[in-house]
C-alpha atoms as a PDB file:
ATOM      1  CA  MET A   1      53.551 -18.784  88.899  1.00  0.00           C
ATOM      2  CA  VAL A   2      54.483 -19.681  85.316  1.00  0.00           C
ATOM      3  CA  ALA A   3      56.491 -18.012  83.271  1.00  0.00           C
ATOM      4  CA  LEU A   4      54.987 -16.188  79.852  1.00  0.00           C
ATOM      5  CA  GLN A   5      56.601 -17.776  76.920  1.00  0.00           C
ATOM      6  CA  PHE A   6      57.639 -15.660  73.906  1.00  0.00           C
ATOM      7  CA  PRO A   7      57.233 -14.910  71.207  1.00  0.00           C
ATOM      8  CA  PHE A   8      53.674 -13.769  72.322  1.00  0.00           C
ATOM      9  CA  THR A   9      50.431 -12.692  70.147  1.00  0.00           C
ATOM     10  CA  LEU A  10      49.255  -9.647  71.998  1.00  0.00           C
ATOM     11  CA  PHE A  11      46.791  -8.605  69.810  1.00  0.00           C
ATOM     12  CA  ARG A  12      45.164  -9.079  66.224  1.00  0.00           C
ATOM     13  CA  THR A  13      41.846  -7.367  64.803  1.00  0.00           C
ATOM     14  CA  GLN A  14      38.972  -8.908  63.950  1.00  0.00           C
ATOM     15  CA  LYS A  15      39.666  -8.063  60.353  1.00  0.00           C
ATOM     16  CA  TRP A  16      42.255 -10.204  59.117  1.00  0.00           C
ATOM     17  CA  MET A  17      45.169  -9.505  56.794  1.00  0.00           C
ATOM     18  CA  ASP A  18      45.115 -10.488  53.357  1.00  0.00           C
ATOM     19  CA  ASP A  19      41.390 -10.297  52.854  1.00  0.00           C
ATOM     20  CA  TYR A  20      40.721 -10.127  49.380  1.00  0.00           C
ATOM     21  CA  GLY A  21      37.021 -10.623  49.758  1.00  0.00           C
ATOM     22  CA  ALA A  22      36.620  -7.043  51.501  1.00  0.00           C
ATOM     23  CA  ARG A  23      34.450  -4.711  49.425  1.00  0.00           C
ATOM     24  CA  ASP A  24      36.964  -2.067  48.683  1.00  0.00           C
ATOM     25  CA  MET A  25      39.052  -5.032  47.157  1.00  0.00           C
ATOM     26  CA  ARG A  26      36.316  -5.413  44.250  1.00  0.00           C
ATOM     27  CA  CYS A  27      37.408  -4.215  40.700  1.00  0.00           C
ATOM     28  CA  GLY A  28      35.661  -4.093  37.214  1.00  0.00           C
ATOM     29  CA  ASP A  29      32.660  -4.471  38.631  1.00  0.00           C
ATOM     30  CA  LEU A  30      30.150  -1.898  37.291  1.00  0.00           C
ATOM     31  CA  THR A  31      29.105  -0.420  34.221  1.00  0.00           C
ATOM     32  CA  GLU A  32      28.934   3.202  33.119  1.00  0.00           C
ATOM     33  CA  GLU A  33      25.156   3.425  33.424  1.00  0.00           C
ATOM     34  CA  GLN A  34      25.683   2.183  37.015  1.00  0.00           C
ATOM     35  CA  LEU A  35      28.516   4.505  37.561  1.00  0.00           C
ATOM     36  CA  LYS A  36      26.619   7.780  36.073  1.00  0.00           C
ATOM     37  CA  MET A  37      23.122   6.829  37.929  1.00  0.00           C
ATOM     38  CA  ASP A  38      23.831   5.457  41.416  1.00  0.00           C
ATOM     39  CA  TYR A  39      27.084   7.087  42.175  1.00  0.00           C
ATOM     40  CA  HIS A  40      26.061  10.581  39.945  1.00  0.00           C
ATOM     41  CA  LEU A  41      30.188   9.842  38.250  1.00  0.00           C
ATOM     42  CA  ILE A  42      29.243  12.174  35.054  1.00  0.00           C
ATOM     43  CA  ASP A  43      32.499  14.820  35.184  1.00  0.00           C
ATOM     44  CA  ILE A  44      35.350  12.402  35.771  1.00  0.00           C
ATOM     45  CA  SER A  45      38.197  13.823  33.898  1.00  0.00           C
ATOM     46  CA  ALA A  46      39.740  17.217  32.622  1.00  0.00           C
ATOM     47  CA  ARG A  47      41.473  15.725  30.141  1.00  0.00           C
ATOM     48  CA  VAL A  48      39.573  12.192  28.824  1.00  0.00           C
ATOM     49  CA  ASN A  49      35.885  11.207  28.814  1.00  0.00           C
ATOM     50  CA  PRO A  50      36.191   7.811  29.510  1.00  0.00           C
ATOM     51  CA  TYR A  51      33.046   6.804  28.735  1.00  0.00           C
ATOM     52  CA  THR A  52      33.374   7.891  25.107  1.00  0.00           C
ATOM     53  CA  LEU A  53      37.326   7.591  24.831  1.00  0.00           C
ATOM     54  CA  THR A  54      37.698  10.671  23.585  1.00  0.00           C
ATOM     55  CA  LYS A  55      40.441  13.506  24.525  1.00  0.00           C
ATOM     56  CA  ILE A  56      39.014  16.999  26.300  1.00  0.00           C
ATOM     57  CA  THR A  57      40.495  19.502  24.397  1.00  0.00           C
ATOM     58  CA  PRO A  58      39.856  23.339  24.534  1.00  0.00           C
ATOM     59  CA  PHE A  59      38.658  25.556  21.574  1.00  0.00           C
ATOM     60  CA  HIS A  60      41.407  27.268  20.086  1.00  0.00           C
ATOM     61  CA  GLN A  61      39.507  30.146  18.012  1.00  0.00           C
ATOM     62  CA  PRO A  62      39.645  33.084  20.273  1.00  0.00           C
ATOM     63  CA  GLN A  63      36.832  34.540  18.456  1.00  0.00           C
ATOM     64  CA  SER A  64      34.851  31.584  19.683  1.00  0.00           C
ATOM     65  CA  MET A  65      31.989  32.475  22.320  1.00  0.00           C
ATOM     66  CA  PHE A  66      32.790  29.067  23.629  1.00  0.00           C
ATOM     67  CA  TYR A  67      36.990  29.944  23.702  1.00  0.00           C
ATOM     68  CA  GLY A  68      38.804  28.496  26.843  1.00  0.00           C
ATOM     69  CA  SER A  69      36.129  26.226  27.537  1.00  0.00           C
ATOM     70  CA  ARG A  70      36.448  22.167  26.896  1.00  0.00           C
ATOM     71  CA  GLY A  71      35.185  20.160  23.884  1.00  0.00           C
ATOM     72  CA  VAL A  72      35.239  16.876  22.285  1.00  0.00           C
ATOM     73  CA  GLY A  73      38.737  15.735  20.760  1.00  0.00           C
ATOM     74  CA  GLU A  74      40.419  12.803  19.287  1.00  0.00           C
ATOM     75  CA  LYS A  75      39.295   9.092  19.596  1.00  0.00           C
ATOM     76  CA  ILE A  76      41.496   6.918  21.654  1.00  0.00           C
ATOM     77  CA  THR A  77      41.504   3.332  22.547  1.00  0.00           C
ATOM     78  CA  PRO A  78      41.005   2.080  26.152  1.00  0.00           C
ATOM     79  CA  GLN A  79      44.661   2.049  27.161  1.00  0.00           C
ATOM     80  CA  VAL A  80      45.175   5.454  26.186  1.00  0.00           C
ATOM     81  CA  CYS A  81      42.653   6.746  28.022  1.00  0.00           C
ATOM     82  CA  ALA A  82      43.418   4.464  31.401  1.00  0.00           C
ATOM     83  CA  GLY A  83      46.865   5.933  30.627  1.00  0.00           C
ATOM     84  CA  ILE A  84      46.412   9.185  30.451  1.00  0.00           C
ATOM     85  CA  LEU A  85      44.075   9.011  33.855  1.00  0.00           C
ATOM     86  CA  PHE A  86      46.670   7.555  35.366  1.00  0.00           C
ATOM     87  CA  ASP A  87      48.956  10.564  34.576  1.00  0.00           C
ATOM     88  CA  GLU A  88      46.347  12.749  35.919  1.00  0.00           C
ATOM     89  CA  PHE A  89      45.658  10.482  39.052  1.00  0.00           C
ATOM     90  CA  ARG A  90      48.970  11.104  39.940  1.00  0.00           C
ATOM     91  CA  HIS A  91      49.208  14.711  39.025  1.00  0.00           C
ATOM     92  CA  LEU A  92      45.754  15.519  41.897  1.00  0.00           C
ATOM     93  CA  SER A  93      47.757  13.598  44.288  1.00  0.00           C
ATOM     94  CA  GLN A  94      50.263  16.210  44.733  1.00  0.00           C
ATOM     95  CA  PHE A  95      47.069  18.545  46.460  1.00  0.00           C
ATOM     96  CA  PHE A  96      47.440  15.484  49.442  1.00  0.00           C
ATOM     97  CA  SER A  97      50.905  15.226  49.601  1.00  0.00           C
ATOM     98  CA  VAL A  98      52.617  18.737  49.665  1.00  0.00           C
ATOM     99  CA  TYR A  99      55.721  18.254  52.631  1.00  0.00           C
ATOM    100  CA  GLY A 100      58.510  15.324  53.893  1.00  0.00           C
ATOM    101  CA  PRO A 101      60.198  12.231  52.984  1.00  0.00           C
ATOM    102  CA  TYR A 102      57.003  10.518  52.424  1.00  0.00           C
ATOM    103  CA  ARG A 103      55.537  13.053  50.257  1.00  0.00           C
ATOM    104  CA  HIS A 104      56.622  10.392  46.754  1.00  0.00           C
ATOM    105  CA  LEU A 105      54.846   7.670  48.369  1.00  0.00           C
ATOM    106  CA  ILE A 106      51.179   8.333  46.198  1.00  0.00           C
ATOM    107  CA  GLY A 107      52.694   8.316  43.055  1.00  0.00           C
ATOM    108  CA  GLN A 108      54.444   5.286  43.577  1.00  0.00           C
ATOM    109  CA  MET A 109      50.929   3.340  45.129  1.00  0.00           C
ATOM    110  CA  ILE A 110      49.422   4.650  41.669  1.00  0.00           C
ATOM    111  CA  THR A 111      51.292   3.694  39.583  1.00  0.00           C
ATOM    112  CA  HIS A 112      52.256   0.558  41.211  1.00  0.00           C
ATOM    113  CA  MET A 113      48.274   0.351  40.757  1.00  0.00           C
ATOM    114  CA  GLN A 114      48.779   0.566  37.225  1.00  0.00           C
ATOM    115  CA  ASN A 115      51.202  -1.912  36.535  1.00  0.00           C
ATOM    116  CA  GLY A 116      51.040  -4.108  39.953  1.00  0.00           C
ATOM    117  CA  ASN A 117      48.873  -6.360  38.934  1.00  0.00           C
ATOM    118  CA  GLY A 118      47.005  -6.351  42.438  1.00  0.00           C
ATOM    119  CA  SER A 119      50.001  -7.382  44.332  1.00  0.00           C
ATOM    120  CA  PRO A 120      50.901  -6.614  47.194  1.00  0.00           C
ATOM    121  CA  PHE A 121      52.562  -3.089  48.129  1.00  0.00           C
ATOM    122  CA  SER A 122      55.624  -2.667  50.751  1.00  0.00           C
ATOM    123  CA  SER A 123      58.189   0.110  51.032  1.00  0.00           C
ATOM    124  CA  MET A 124      60.709   0.998  53.498  1.00  0.00           C
ATOM    125  CA  LEU A 125      59.787   4.508  53.809  1.00  0.00           C
ATOM    126  CA  LEU A 126      55.926   3.070  54.756  1.00  0.00           C
ATOM    127  CA  ASP A 127      57.687   1.185  57.502  1.00  0.00           C
ATOM    128  CA  ARG A 128      59.775   3.858  58.675  1.00  0.00           C
ATOM    129  CA  ALA A 129      56.840   5.874  59.019  1.00  0.00           C
ATOM    130  CA  LEU A 130      54.933   4.074  61.218  1.00  0.00           C
ATOM    131  CA  LYS A 131      57.940   3.190  63.759  1.00  0.00           C
ATOM    132  CA  GLU A 132      57.968   7.416  64.073  1.00  0.00           C
ATOM    133  CA  HIS A 133      54.525   7.093  64.181  1.00  0.00           C
ATOM    134  CA  ILE A 134      54.372   4.508  67.127  1.00  0.00           C
ATOM    135  CA  VAL A 135      57.251   5.912  69.024  1.00  0.00           C
ATOM    136  CA  ASN A 136      56.004   9.258  69.050  1.00  0.00           C
ATOM    137  CA  ASP A 137      52.779   8.939  69.854  1.00  0.00           C
ATOM    138  CA  ARG A 138      52.512  10.866  73.171  1.00  0.00           C
ATOM    139  CA  THR A 139      48.972  10.667  73.681  1.00  0.00           C
ATOM    140  CA  GLU A 140      47.879   9.034  76.626  1.00  0.00           C
ATOM    141  CA  ASN A 141      46.021   6.269  74.853  1.00  0.00           C
ATOM    142  CA  SER A 142      48.968   5.546  72.939  1.00  0.00           C
ATOM    143  CA  THR A 143      49.732   1.701  72.554  1.00  0.00           C
ATOM    144  CA  PHE A 144      53.260   1.869  73.122  1.00  0.00           C
ATOM    145  CA  ALA A 145      52.936   3.792  76.014  1.00  0.00           C
ATOM    146  CA  ARG A 146      50.149   1.974  77.598  1.00  0.00           C
ATOM    147  CA  LEU A 147      52.142  -1.587  76.866  1.00  0.00           C
ATOM    148  CA  LYS A 148      55.448  -0.199  78.721  1.00  0.00           C
ATOM    149  CA  GLU A 149      53.168   0.601  81.950  1.00  0.00           C
ATOM    150  CA  VAL A 150      51.510  -2.447  81.916  1.00  0.00           C
ATOM    151  CA  ILE A 151      55.069  -4.644  81.635  1.00  0.00           C
ATOM    152  CA  SER A 152      56.703  -2.480  84.209  1.00  0.00           C
ATOM    153  CA  LYS A 153      53.599  -3.112  86.390  1.00  0.00           C
ATOM    154  CA  ASN A 154      53.179  -6.891  86.417  1.00  0.00           C
ATOM    155  CA  ILE A 155      56.939  -7.852  86.023  1.00  0.00           C
ATOM    156  CA  ASP A 156      57.754 -10.392  89.193  1.00  0.00           C
ATOM    157  CA  TRP A 157      61.117  -9.014  89.367  1.00  0.00           C
ATOM    158  CA  ASP A 158      62.478 -11.104  92.006  1.00  0.00           C
ATOM    159  CA  ASN A 159      62.110 -13.988  89.719  1.00  0.00           C
ATOM    160  CA  LYS A 160      62.769 -12.281  86.976  1.00  0.00           C
ATOM    161  CA  TYR A 161      59.657 -13.245  84.266  1.00  0.00           C
ATOM    162  CA  TYR A 162      56.373 -11.681  83.292  1.00  0.00           C
ATOM    163  CA  PRO A 163      54.250 -13.887  85.054  1.00  0.00           C
ATOM    164  CA  VAL A 164      51.290 -15.696  82.207  1.00  0.00           C
ATOM    165  CA  SER A 165      48.398 -15.081  85.160  1.00  0.00           C
ATOM    166  CA  GLU A 166      49.001 -11.258  83.810  1.00  0.00           C
ATOM    167  CA  LYS A 167      48.620 -11.931  79.971  1.00  0.00           C
ATOM    168  CA  GLY A 168      45.331 -10.232  80.081  1.00  0.00           C
ATOM    169  CA  GLY A 169      46.733  -6.822  81.702  1.00  0.00           C
ATOM    170  CA  LEU A 170      49.127  -6.817  78.062  1.00  0.00           C
ATOM    171  CA  LYS A 171      45.796  -7.688  76.069  1.00  0.00           C
ATOM    172  CA  ARG A 172      43.801  -4.880  77.767  1.00  0.00           C
ATOM    173  CA  ALA A 173      46.580  -2.595  77.374  1.00  0.00           C
ATOM    174  CA  ILE A 174      46.089  -2.688  73.591  1.00  0.00           C
ATOM    175  CA  THR A 175      42.485  -3.107  73.483  1.00  0.00           C
ATOM    176  CA  ASP A 176      42.295   0.019  75.791  1.00  0.00           C
ATOM    177  CA  SER A 177      44.049   2.123  73.324  1.00  0.00           C
ATOM    178  CA  LYS A 178      43.905   3.528  70.102  1.00  0.00           C
ATOM    179  CA  LEU A 179      45.598   1.531  67.394  1.00  0.00           C
ATOM    180  CA  PRO A 180      48.187   3.337  64.675  1.00  0.00           C
ATOM    181  CA  LYS A 181      46.403   5.249  62.149  1.00  0.00           C
ATOM    182  CA  PHE A 182      47.533   8.289  59.840  1.00  0.00           C
ATOM    183  CA  ASP A 183      44.749  10.476  60.782  1.00  0.00           C
ATOM    184  CA  ARG A 184      46.560  13.237  62.381  1.00  0.00           C
ATOM    185  CA  PHE A 185      46.315  17.002  60.917  1.00  0.00           C
ATOM    186  CA  LYS A 186      49.612  16.974  59.879  1.00  0.00           C
ATOM    187  CA  ASP A 187      48.271  13.671  57.872  1.00  0.00           C
ATOM    188  CA  ASN A 188      46.363  15.398  55.484  1.00  0.00           C
ATOM    189  CA  PHE A 189      49.231  17.282  53.893  1.00  0.00           C
ATOM    190  CA  ASN A 190      52.373  15.138  54.676  1.00  0.00           C
ATOM    191  CA  GLY A 191      51.284  11.988  52.232  1.00  0.00           C
ATOM    192  CA  MET A 192      50.508   9.478  54.640  1.00  0.00           C
ATOM    193  CA  GLY A 193      46.441  10.610  55.125  1.00  0.00           C
ATOM    194  CA  ILE A 194      45.731   9.711  51.468  1.00  0.00           C
ATOM    195  CA  THR A 195      48.264   6.748  51.230  1.00  0.00           C
ATOM    196  CA  VAL A 196      47.042   4.827  54.126  1.00  0.00           C
ATOM    197  CA  HIS A 197      44.824   6.708  56.470  1.00  0.00           C
ATOM    198  CA  ASP A 198      42.764   4.301  58.219  1.00  0.00           C
ATOM    199  CA  THR A 199      44.113   0.967  58.701  1.00  0.00           C
ATOM    200  CA  TRP A 200      42.475  -2.858  57.930  1.00  0.00           C
ATOM    201  CA  ALA A 201      44.029  -4.865  59.975  1.00  0.00           C
ATOM    202  CA  THR A 202      46.682  -5.023  63.046  1.00  0.00           C
ATOM    203  CA  TYR A 203      48.430  -7.329  64.362  1.00  0.00           C
ATOM    204  CA  ILE A 204      50.971  -6.978  67.309  1.00  0.00           C
ATOM    205  CA  THR A 205      53.965  -9.529  68.928  1.00  0.00           C
ATOM    206  CA  ILE A 206      56.016  -9.331  71.585  1.00  0.00           C
ATOM    207  CA  LYS A 207      58.697 -11.073  70.253  1.00  0.00           C
ATOM    208  CA  SER A 208      61.258 -11.326  73.157  1.00  0.00           C
ATOM    209  CA  LEU A 209      61.630 -10.156  77.048  1.00  0.00           C
ATOM    210  CA  LYS A 210      64.629 -10.024  78.913  1.00  0.00           C
ATOM    211  CA  ILE A 211      64.764  -9.318  82.859  1.00  0.00           C
ATOM    212  CA  ASN A 212      67.321  -8.460  85.237  1.00  0.00           C
ATOM    213  CA  SER A 213      67.034  -7.564  88.886  1.00  0.00           C
ATOM    214  CA  ASN A 214      66.007  -3.902  87.901  1.00  0.00           C
ATOM    215  CA  HIS A 215      65.481  -3.713  84.490  1.00  0.00           C
ATOM    216  CA  TYR A 216      63.943  -4.687  81.554  1.00  0.00           C
ATOM    217  CA  ARG A 217      64.354  -5.011  77.770  1.00  0.00           C
ATOM    218  CA  GLY A 218      61.832  -6.410  75.124  1.00  0.00           C
ATOM    219  CA  MET A 219      61.078  -6.459  71.304  1.00  0.00           C
ATOM    220  CA  VAL A 220      57.503  -5.379  69.761  1.00  0.00           C
ATOM    221  CA  ASN A 221      56.430  -6.304  66.461  1.00  0.00           C
ATOM    222  CA  TYR A 222      53.604  -4.265  64.684  1.00  0.00           C
ATOM    223  CA  LYS A 223      52.300  -5.408  61.644  1.00  0.00           C
ATOM    224  CA  VAL A 224      49.669  -3.518  60.038  1.00  0.00           C
ATOM    225  CA  GLN A 225      47.893  -3.693  56.519  1.00  0.00           C
ATOM    226  CA  ASP A 226      45.862  -1.803  54.358  1.00  0.00           C
ATOM    227  CA  HIS A 227      44.018  -1.347  51.443  1.00  0.00           C
ATOM    228  CA  PHE A 228      44.705   1.046  48.439  1.00  0.00           C
ATOM    229  CA  GLY A 229      41.304   0.688  47.208  1.00  0.00           C
ATOM    230  CA  LEU A 230      37.618   2.616  46.740  1.00  0.00           C
ATOM    231  CA  ASP A 231      34.005   0.448  47.774  1.00  0.00           C
ATOM    232  CA  VAL A 232      30.658   2.130  46.943  1.00  0.00           C
ATOM    233  CA  ASP A 233      30.381   3.728  50.584  1.00  0.00           C
ATOM    234  CA  ASP A 234      33.704   6.209  50.138  1.00  0.00           C
ATOM    235  CA  ILE A 235      32.399   7.196  46.669  1.00  0.00           C
ATOM    236  CA  SER A 236      29.143   7.621  48.073  1.00  0.00           C
ATOM    237  CA  LYS A 237      30.125  10.352  50.716  1.00  0.00           C
ATOM    238  CA  LEU A 238      30.370  13.761  49.145  1.00  0.00           C
ATOM    239  CA  ARG A 239      33.757  15.127  50.686  1.00  0.00           C
ATOM    240  CA  PHE A 240      35.348  11.769  48.105  1.00  0.00           C
ATOM    241  CA  ASN A 241      32.719  12.111  45.191  1.00  0.00           C
ATOM    242  CA  GLN A 242      33.298  16.395  45.043  1.00  0.00           C
ATOM    243  CA  LEU A 243      36.940  15.653  44.265  1.00  0.00           C
ATOM    244  CA  ARG A 244      38.285  14.603  41.117  1.00  0.00           C
ATOM    245  CA  PHE A 245      41.031  12.822  42.337  1.00  0.00           C
ATOM    246  CA  PHE A 246      39.112  10.076  44.082  1.00  0.00           C
ATOM    247  CA  ARG A 247      36.055  10.123  41.019  1.00  0.00           C
ATOM    248  CA  ILE A 248      39.503   9.340  38.761  1.00  0.00           C
ATOM    249  CA  TRP A 249      40.381   6.772  41.047  1.00  0.00           C
ATOM    250  CA  PHE A 250      36.834   4.714  41.444  1.00  0.00           C
ATOM    251  CA  VAL A 251      36.323   4.851  37.802  1.00  0.00           C
ATOM    252  CA  LEU A 252      39.968   3.243  36.767  1.00  0.00           C
ATOM    253  CA  GLN A 253      39.540   0.706  39.801  1.00  0.00           C
ATOM    254  CA  ARG A 254      35.355  -0.253  39.201  1.00  0.00           C
ATOM    255  CA  TYR A 255      34.591   0.681  35.695  1.00  0.00           C
ATOM    256  CA  ASN A 256      34.087  -3.179  33.831  1.00  0.00           C
ATOM    257  CA  ARG A 257      36.180  -0.846  31.297  1.00  0.00           C
ATOM    258  CA  PHE A 258      39.273  -0.896  33.382  1.00  0.00           C
ATOM    259  CA  GLY A 259      38.724  -2.803  36.405  1.00  0.00           C
ATOM    260  CA  PHE A 260      42.362  -1.892  38.000  1.00  0.00           C
ATOM    261  CA  LYS A 261      43.179  -4.208  40.808  1.00  0.00           C
ATOM    262  CA  PRO A 262      43.411  -2.208  44.695  1.00  0.00           C
ATOM    263  CA  PHE A 263      46.163  -3.915  46.365  1.00  0.00           C
ATOM    264  CA  MET A 264      47.227  -4.875  49.848  1.00  0.00           C
ATOM    265  CA  THR A 265      49.857  -2.153  51.266  1.00  0.00           C
ATOM    266  CA  ASN A 266      51.635  -3.781  54.347  1.00  0.00           C
ATOM    267  CA  MET A 267      53.633  -1.970  57.113  1.00  0.00           C
ATOM    268  CA  GLU A 268      56.153  -3.687  59.327  1.00  0.00           C
ATOM    269  CA  ALA A 269      58.386  -2.193  62.196  1.00  0.00           C
ATOM    270  CA  THR A 270      59.910  -3.922  65.314  1.00  0.00           C
ATOM    271  CA  ILE A 271      60.615  -1.482  68.216  1.00  0.00           C
ATOM    272  CA  GLU A 272      62.128  -1.744  70.877  1.00  0.00           C
ATOM    273  CA  VAL A 273      60.790  -1.385  74.952  1.00  0.00           C
ATOM    274  CA  THR A 274      62.595  -0.407  77.907  1.00  0.00           C
ATOM    275  CA  GLY A 275      62.100   0.101  81.369  1.00  0.00           C
ATOM    276  CA  TYR A 276      62.695  -0.249  85.018  1.00  0.00           C
ATOM    277  CA  ARG A 277      61.788  -1.564  88.367  1.00  0.00           C
END
């Protein structure tokens, strides 16, 4: 029998890291006509009209039959218009991020889209959220629980190593389980559903595995990447298209007058895994 050597790359999604050719990473590629005709993006903002570059202001004459409705205000530059759209974008994000330690992440990520020029985004809070999700996942198809089960079952306790012949069991433990995603009910309100939700690429590596006569201790590294960007399939869905938050996001990213770059969201967690004979 031969011992499995560590670090051991346990799992990689078919989608790869740093895929800047992905559809949701496009920017500045759509015209006003395309946005209106193909995606029905007419009413974008309650504050500005990005197509005419004018502010939207209320009529101030109480006697007017149009009092309280929106009218056309002063002309503005594309830069000023984008700034107002980003402020509205941040304001609307509050409805998806009501409570908890991660509620401010979406505001930080919107600001990063505004100023980061497409550079990757990482945060200790994102890493913490990933680690908490993995460790606290009590479902039957948790990657972490399945991995612990397989390691305990297949260790050669007499020789104190994990046999290379059983590495297929480790890989199946991951492929047969659900990867960590922020699609739980609570993620709709704690800020993680709107910042990450689904994920693009996941790499899982067993960094080390120490075995004694009746106990093992290992370190497992999760690297997860998502894209903070929208593709045309996203905005074509009614649940996205009907919300001003996503209409503003799509226009800031894809309208050729703005073209703000989407970016990679990077998360990483190294977790201790232990068990007994």
